Amino acid sequence: MIAEDLDTLDPEPLRQALRASRAELAFKQAVIDRRPHENAVLWRLQFTAKSDVDDAEQKSLLDEALDSDLATGGREACRSTDR
């Protein structure tokens, strides 16, 4: 929108544009917030695969930790898009 148009527009289209902008911003922020978590998971997967994870119990603990991290990251992303 051009600044001159703001004086001639009805309030409802302005509200709709603001709502759309807020929704888009919330989505983009959720994507940005999720990136460090995704990078940490990928880093852990990459370097754990190279280390000594021969023990089945260690592998099981790592899988549980990753599942927990992924679940937490998903809930946080959902929470940030609900705002």
C-alpha atoms as a PDB file:
ATOM      1  CA  MET A   1       0.000   0.000   0.000  1.00  0.00           C
ATOM      2  CA  ILE A   2       1.068   3.515  -0.713  1.00  0.00           C
ATOM      3  CA  ALA A   3       1.011   6.040   2.144  1.00  0.00           C
ATOM      4  CA  GLU A   4      -1.502   8.256   0.328  1.00  0.00           C
ATOM      5  CA  ASP A   5      -3.932   5.315   0.098  1.00  0.00           C
ATOM      6  CA  LEU A   6      -4.035   4.924   3.886  1.00  0.00           C
ATOM      7  CA  ASP A   7      -6.186   8.022   4.319  1.00  0.00           C
ATOM      8  CA  THR A   8      -8.753   6.852   1.792  1.00  0.00           C
ATOM      9  CA  LEU A   9      -9.075   3.212   2.870  1.00  0.00           C
ATOM     10  CA  ASP A  10     -11.763   1.853   5.109  1.00  0.00           C
ATOM     11  CA  PRO A  11     -10.607   0.532   8.475  1.00  0.00           C
ATOM     12  CA  GLU A  12     -11.652  -3.079   7.734  1.00  0.00           C
ATOM     13  CA  PRO A  13      -9.240  -3.622   4.804  1.00  0.00           C
ATOM     14  CA  LEU A  14      -6.469  -2.162   6.959  1.00  0.00           C
ATOM     15  CA  ARG A  15      -7.319  -4.591   9.769  1.00  0.00           C
ATOM     16  CA  GLN A  16      -7.322  -7.501   7.329  1.00  0.00           C
ATOM     17  CA  ALA A  17      -3.947  -6.470   5.934  1.00  0.00           C
ATOM     18  CA  LEU A  18      -2.547  -6.151   9.452  1.00  0.00           C
ATOM     19  CA  ARG A  19      -3.874  -9.602  10.433  1.00  0.00           C
ATOM     20  CA  ALA A  20      -2.338 -11.135   7.316  1.00  0.00           C
ATOM     21  CA  SER A  21       0.998  -9.440   8.030  1.00  0.00           C
ATOM     22  CA  ARG A  22       0.973 -10.650  11.635  1.00  0.00           C
ATOM     23  CA  ALA A  23       0.210 -14.227  10.574  1.00  0.00           C
ATOM     24  CA  GLU A  24       3.023 -14.158   8.033  1.00  0.00           C
ATOM     25  CA  LEU A  25       5.425 -12.713  10.599  1.00  0.00           C
ATOM     26  CA  ALA A  26       4.485 -15.377  13.169  1.00  0.00           C
ATOM     27  CA  PHE A  27       5.083 -18.142  10.632  1.00  0.00           C
ATOM     28  CA  LYS A  28       8.453 -16.750   9.579  1.00  0.00           C
ATOM     29  CA  GLN A  29       9.518 -16.313  13.208  1.00  0.00           C
ATOM     30  CA  ALA A  30       8.558 -19.932  13.941  1.00  0.00           C
ATOM     31  CA  VAL A  31      10.740 -21.085  11.048  1.00  0.00           C
ATOM     32  CA  ILE A  32      13.638 -18.953  12.287  1.00  0.00           C
ATOM     33  CA  ASP A  33      13.222 -20.197  15.861  1.00  0.00           C
ATOM     34  CA  ARG A  34      13.199 -23.813  14.690  1.00  0.00           C
ATOM     35  CA  ARG A  35      16.494 -23.558  12.742  1.00  0.00           C
ATOM     36  CA  PRO A  36      18.941 -23.701  15.697  1.00  0.00           C
ATOM     37  CA  HIS A  37      17.138 -26.745  17.043  1.00  0.00           C
ATOM     38  CA  GLU A  38      17.245 -28.501  13.666  1.00  0.00           C
ATOM     39  CA  ASN A  39      20.937 -27.678  13.327  1.00  0.00           C
ATOM     40  CA  ALA A  40      21.642 -29.098  16.791  1.00  0.00           C
ATOM     41  CA  VAL A  41      19.813 -32.333  15.958  1.00  0.00           C
ATOM     42  CA  LEU A  42      21.661 -32.701  12.666  1.00  0.00           C
ATOM     43  CA  TRP A  43      24.983 -31.946  14.352  1.00  0.00           C
ATOM     44  CA  ARG A  44      24.302 -34.579  17.007  1.00  0.00           C
ATOM     45  CA  LEU A  45      23.340 -37.140  14.383  1.00  0.00           C
ATOM     46  CA  GLN A  46      26.424 -36.432  12.294  1.00  0.00           C
ATOM     47  CA  PHE A  47      28.981 -36.542  15.081  1.00  0.00           C
ATOM     48  CA  THR A  48      27.354 -39.316  17.080  1.00  0.00           C
ATOM     49  CA  ALA A  49      27.454 -41.550  14.028  1.00  0.00           C
ATOM     50  CA  LYS A  50      31.236 -41.042  13.892  1.00  0.00           C
ATOM     51  CA  SER A  51      31.819 -41.670  17.591  1.00  0.00           C
ATOM     52  CA  ASP A  52      31.789 -44.898  19.555  1.00  0.00           C
ATOM     53  CA  VAL A  53      28.094 -45.621  19.892  1.00  0.00           C
ATOM     54  CA  ASP A  54      28.448 -49.375  19.660  1.00  0.00           C
ATOM     55  CA  ASP A  55      26.696 -49.932  22.950  1.00  0.00           C
ATOM     56  CA  ALA A  56      22.977 -50.579  22.375  1.00  0.00           C
ATOM     57  CA  GLU A  57      22.057 -48.818  25.623  1.00  0.00           C
ATOM     58  CA  GLN A  58      23.908 -45.653  24.580  1.00  0.00           C
ATOM     59  CA  LYS A  59      22.178 -45.722  21.196  1.00  0.00           C
ATOM     60  CA  SER A  60      18.796 -46.161  22.893  1.00  0.00           C
ATOM     61  CA  LEU A  61      19.465 -43.208  25.211  1.00  0.00           C
ATOM     62  CA  LEU A  62      20.530 -41.065  22.260  1.00  0.00           C
ATOM     63  CA  ASP A  63      17.371 -41.976  20.327  1.00  0.00           C
ATOM     64  CA  GLU A  64      15.213 -41.069  23.340  1.00  0.00           C
ATOM     65  CA  ALA A  65      16.992 -37.722  23.734  1.00  0.00           C
ATOM     66  CA  LEU A  66      16.546 -36.908  20.043  1.00  0.00           C
ATOM     67  CA  ASP A  67      12.860 -37.850  20.116  1.00  0.00           C
ATOM     68  CA  SER A  68      12.359 -35.662  23.175  1.00  0.00           C
ATOM     69  CA  ASP A  69      14.172 -32.736  21.530  1.00  0.00           C
ATOM     70  CA  LEU A  70      12.129 -33.087  18.352  1.00  0.00           C
ATOM     71  CA  ALA A  71       8.872 -33.207  20.298  1.00  0.00           C
ATOM     72  CA  THR A  72       9.837 -30.113  22.292  1.00  0.00           C
ATOM     73  CA  GLY A  73      10.844 -28.228  19.147  1.00  0.00           C
ATOM     74  CA  GLY A  74       7.548 -29.105  17.460  1.00  0.00           C
ATOM     75  CA  ARG A  75       5.499 -27.900  20.423  1.00  0.00           C
ATOM     76  CA  GLU A  76       7.466 -24.630  20.563  1.00  0.00           C
ATOM     77  CA  ALA A  77       6.944 -24.045  16.845  1.00  0.00           C
ATOM     78  CA  CYS A  78       3.215 -24.669  17.216  1.00  0.00           C
ATOM     79  CA  ARG A  79       3.023 -22.329  20.201  1.00  0.00           C
ATOM     80  CA  SER A  80       4.756 -19.531  18.310  1.00  0.00           C
ATOM     81  CA  THR A  81       2.399 -19.829  15.327  1.00  0.00           C
ATOM     82  CA  ASP A  82      -0.677 -19.751  17.579  1.00  0.00           C
ATOM     83  CA  ARG A  83       0.102 -16.229  18.775  1.00  0.00           C
END
